[in-house]
Amino acid sequence: MTEEIDFIIDTAKEHMDGSIAHLEKEFLNIRAGKATPQMLGGVFVDYYGSQTPLSQVANINVPDARTITVTPWEKGMLHPIEKAIQIANLGFNPMNNGDNIIISVPPLTEERRRDLVKQAKSEAEDAKIGIRNARKDANTDIKKEEKNGTSEDICKSAEESIQKLTDAYIKKIDDILAVKEAEIMKV
């Protein structure tokens, strides 16, 4: 194959890898009953007038599967952090004991689990759309190469390899989704 075709395939693979990476990042935000520091990843605190990520003003620990503790680096930040967690609307009720903030992660109800599975499926579908867009862009570029004089056989072969890549990545997404679904539904 020509250098241009190889470049098109590599670019498509890069975009597909990006879709998978994005999906995995989004899946970290979908909680599955266990407490993790990432649950508070989207919380921003008003720190001397600027919105700052919680992880930059406090230490976030998970002593057990149902508890998150937030220890601010400055005692004066206890109330702003507590307020920021409530504003973030994560369904948590933070408790302030004077030194740190303790968050009890409630067990998920069956209905909430189903909602989280729906959310996970939606994220997986978005990732599949990203993969299909990468395939479409690659096939468009291959057609342009064909018009620019690259042989039809090389272009057909390149389109087939793009399709194989697409199928492999879609299967990978389905596998990742199945694992996440099992994790969410496990009581």
Protein backbone atom coordinates (compact mmCIF):
# COMPACT_ATOMS: atom_id res chain seq x y z
CA MET A 1 0.00 0.00 0.00
CA THR A 2 1.04 3.58 -0.50
CA GLU A 3 2.26 5.88 2.23
CA GLU A 4 -0.91 8.00 2.05
CA ILE A 5 -3.16 4.95 2.52
CA ASP A 6 -1.06 3.80 5.51
CA PHE A 7 -1.37 7.28 6.98
CA ILE A 8 -5.18 7.23 6.52
CA ILE A 9 -5.42 3.85 8.28
CA ASP A 10 -3.16 4.99 11.13
CA THR A 11 -5.21 8.16 11.56
CA ALA A 12 -8.45 6.15 11.69
CA LYS A 13 -6.91 3.82 14.29
CA GLU A 14 -5.86 6.83 16.37
CA HIS A 15 -9.40 8.26 16.29
CA MET A 16 -10.84 4.87 17.25
CA ASP A 17 -8.37 4.58 20.15
CA GLY A 18 -9.49 8.05 21.22
CA SER A 19 -13.13 6.92 21.25
CA ILE A 20 -12.25 3.93 23.46
CA ALA A 21 -10.21 6.12 25.83
CA HIS A 22 -13.09 8.61 26.09
CA LEU A 23 -15.55 5.79 26.81
CA GLU A 24 -13.35 4.42 29.60
CA LYS A 25 -13.03 7.92 31.08
CA GLU A 26 -16.81 8.38 30.99
CA PHE A 27 -17.33 4.97 32.60
CA LEU A 28 -15.21 6.10 35.56
CA ASN A 29 -17.86 8.74 36.25
CA ILE A 30 -20.65 6.15 36.38
CA ARG A 31 -20.52 4.83 39.91
CA ALA A 32 -21.17 1.17 40.55
CA GLY A 33 -21.92 1.13 44.25
CA LYS A 34 -18.28 1.24 45.38
CA ALA A 35 -16.86 4.51 46.64
CA THR A 36 -14.03 5.92 44.51
CA PRO A 37 -12.20 9.27 44.56
CA GLN A 38 -13.24 9.78 40.90
CA MET A 39 -16.84 10.24 42.08
CA LEU A 40 -15.83 13.72 43.24
CA GLY A 41 -13.82 14.45 40.08
CA GLY A 42 -16.42 16.91 38.77
CA VAL A 43 -16.65 18.93 41.99
CA PHE A 44 -15.25 22.47 41.83
CA VAL A 45 -14.70 24.57 44.95
CA ASP A 46 -14.71 28.36 45.19
CA TYR A 47 -11.09 28.83 46.28
CA TYR A 48 -10.35 32.53 46.88
CA GLY A 49 -12.61 33.60 44.04
CA SER A 50 -11.71 30.99 41.41
CA GLN A 51 -13.35 27.64 40.67
CA THR A 52 -10.76 24.99 41.55
CA PRO A 53 -11.06 21.17 41.26
CA LEU A 54 -11.63 19.57 44.67
CA SER A 55 -8.52 17.40 44.26
CA GLN A 56 -6.38 20.59 44.23
CA VAL A 57 -7.61 21.89 47.59
CA ALA A 58 -8.09 18.66 49.56
CA ASN A 59 -6.99 15.08 49.98
CA ILE A 60 -9.66 12.54 48.92
CA ASN A 61 -9.48 9.07 50.49
CA VAL A 62 -11.63 5.95 50.43
CA PRO A 63 -11.24 4.14 53.78
CA ASP A 64 -13.82 1.49 52.85
CA ALA A 65 -16.22 0.57 50.03
CA ARG A 66 -19.01 2.85 51.28
CA THR A 67 -17.14 5.92 52.61
CA ILE A 68 -15.22 8.83 51.11
CA THR A 69 -13.27 11.20 53.32
CA VAL A 70 -12.22 14.66 52.14
CA THR A 71 -9.47 16.34 54.17
CA PRO A 72 -8.91 19.97 53.15
CA TRP A 73 -5.40 21.37 53.25
CA GLU A 74 -6.76 24.51 54.92
CA LYS A 75 -9.32 24.24 57.74
CA GLY A 76 -11.13 27.31 56.40
CA MET A 77 -12.07 25.38 53.27
CA LEU A 78 -14.34 22.86 55.11
CA HIS A 79 -17.59 24.76 54.54
CA PRO A 80 -16.91 25.78 50.90
CA ILE A 81 -16.01 22.14 50.08
CA GLU A 82 -19.13 20.85 51.81
CA LYS A 83 -21.25 23.37 49.88
CA ALA A 84 -19.55 22.46 46.57
CA ILE A 85 -20.29 18.74 47.07
CA GLN A 86 -23.95 19.53 47.71
CA ILE A 87 -24.14 21.87 44.69
CA ALA A 88 -22.57 19.19 42.45
CA ASN A 89 -25.83 17.23 42.88
CA LEU A 90 -24.19 13.81 43.17
CA GLY A 91 -26.80 12.49 45.59
CA PHE A 92 -24.36 12.62 48.51
CA ASN A 93 -24.97 14.11 51.95
CA PRO A 94 -21.57 15.30 53.25
CA MET A 95 -21.00 15.38 57.04
CA ASN A 96 -18.49 17.80 58.54
CA ASN A 97 -16.73 16.64 61.74
CA GLY A 98 -14.50 19.71 62.13
CA ASP A 99 -11.37 18.15 60.62
CA ASN A 100 -12.64 16.52 57.45
CA ILE A 101 -15.77 15.78 55.47
CA ILE A 102 -17.17 12.27 55.53
CA ILE A 103 -19.45 11.10 52.73
CA SER A 104 -21.42 7.87 53.07
CA VAL A 105 -22.08 6.38 49.64
CA PRO A 106 -25.59 4.90 49.77
CA PRO A 107 -26.13 1.45 48.23
CA LEU A 108 -27.75 1.63 44.81
CA THR A 109 -31.42 0.75 44.41
CA GLU A 110 -32.47 -1.59 41.60
CA GLU A 111 -34.08 1.33 39.74
CA ARG A 112 -30.93 3.45 40.05
CA ARG A 113 -28.85 0.52 38.78
CA ARG A 114 -31.06 0.28 35.68
CA ASP A 115 -30.67 4.02 35.09
CA LEU A 116 -26.88 3.69 35.35
CA VAL A 117 -26.93 0.79 32.88
CA LYS A 118 -28.95 2.98 30.47
CA GLN A 119 -26.40 5.75 30.92
CA ALA A 120 -23.55 3.29 30.26
CA LYS A 121 -25.28 2.02 27.10
CA SER A 122 -25.74 5.60 25.93
CA GLU A 123 -22.02 6.33 26.45
CA ALA A 124 -21.12 3.12 24.61
CA GLU A 125 -23.38 4.12 21.70
CA ASP A 126 -21.68 7.53 21.55
CA ALA A 127 -18.31 5.76 21.37
CA LYS A 128 -19.60 3.54 18.53
CA ILE A 129 -20.73 6.66 16.68
CA GLY A 130 -17.21 8.06 17.09
CA ILE A 131 -15.76 4.85 15.63
CA ARG A 132 -18.17 4.93 12.69
CA ASN A 133 -17.30 8.57 12.03
CA ALA A 134 -13.61 7.65 11.96
CA ARG A 135 -14.44 4.90 9.43
CA LYS A 136 -16.44 7.32 7.29
CA ASP A 137 -13.63 9.89 7.30
CA ALA A 138 -11.06 7.23 6.40
CA ASN A 139 -13.20 5.86 3.56
CA THR A 140 -13.72 9.38 2.21
CA ASP A 141 -9.96 9.97 2.25
CA ILE A 142 -9.37 6.63 0.51
CA LYS A 143 -11.85 7.59 -2.23
CA LYS A 144 -9.92 10.85 -2.71
CA GLU A 145 -6.69 8.86 -3.07
CA GLU A 146 -8.39 6.65 -5.66
CA LYS A 147 -9.34 9.77 -7.65
CA ASN A 148 -5.75 10.98 -7.35
CA GLY A 149 -4.47 7.89 -9.12
CA THR A 150 -4.00 5.19 -6.46
CA SER A 151 -5.00 1.80 -7.87
CA GLU A 152 -8.49 0.50 -7.24
CA ASP A 153 -7.19 -2.75 -5.72
CA ILE A 154 -5.11 -0.92 -3.11
CA CYS A 155 -8.08 1.28 -2.22
CA LYS A 156 -10.44 -1.71 -1.92
CA SER A 157 -7.91 -3.46 0.32
CA ALA A 158 -7.59 -0.33 2.47
CA GLU A 159 -11.38 -0.04 2.81
CA GLU A 160 -11.53 -3.68 3.91
CA SER A 161 -8.85 -3.14 6.55
CA ILE A 162 -10.70 -0.04 7.80
CA GLN A 163 -13.88 -2.14 8.09
CA LYS A 164 -11.97 -4.86 10.01
CA LEU A 165 -10.61 -2.18 12.35
CA THR A 166 -14.13 -0.82 12.84
CA ASP A 167 -15.55 -4.26 13.63
CA ALA A 168 -12.75 -4.96 16.12
CA TYR A 169 -13.24 -1.65 17.94
CA ILE A 170 -17.04 -2.02 18.07
CA LYS A 171 -16.55 -5.48 19.61
CA LYS A 172 -14.11 -3.97 22.11
CA ILE A 173 -16.76 -1.39 23.09
CA ASP A 174 -19.36 -4.15 23.53
CA ASP A 175 -16.92 -6.07 25.77
CA ILE A 176 -16.16 -2.98 27.89
CA LEU A 177 -19.90 -2.29 28.20
CA ALA A 178 -20.62 -5.88 29.28
CA VAL A 179 -18.02 -5.64 32.05
CA LYS A 180 -19.40 -2.27 33.24
CA GLU A 181 -22.98 -3.57 33.13
CA ALA A 182 -22.05 -6.60 35.25
CA GLU A 183 -20.23 -4.29 37.71
CA ILE A 184 -23.27 -1.99 38.01
CA MET A 185 -25.83 -4.79 38.42
CA LYS A 186 -23.75 -6.71 41.00
CA VAL A 187 -25.29 -6.19 44.44
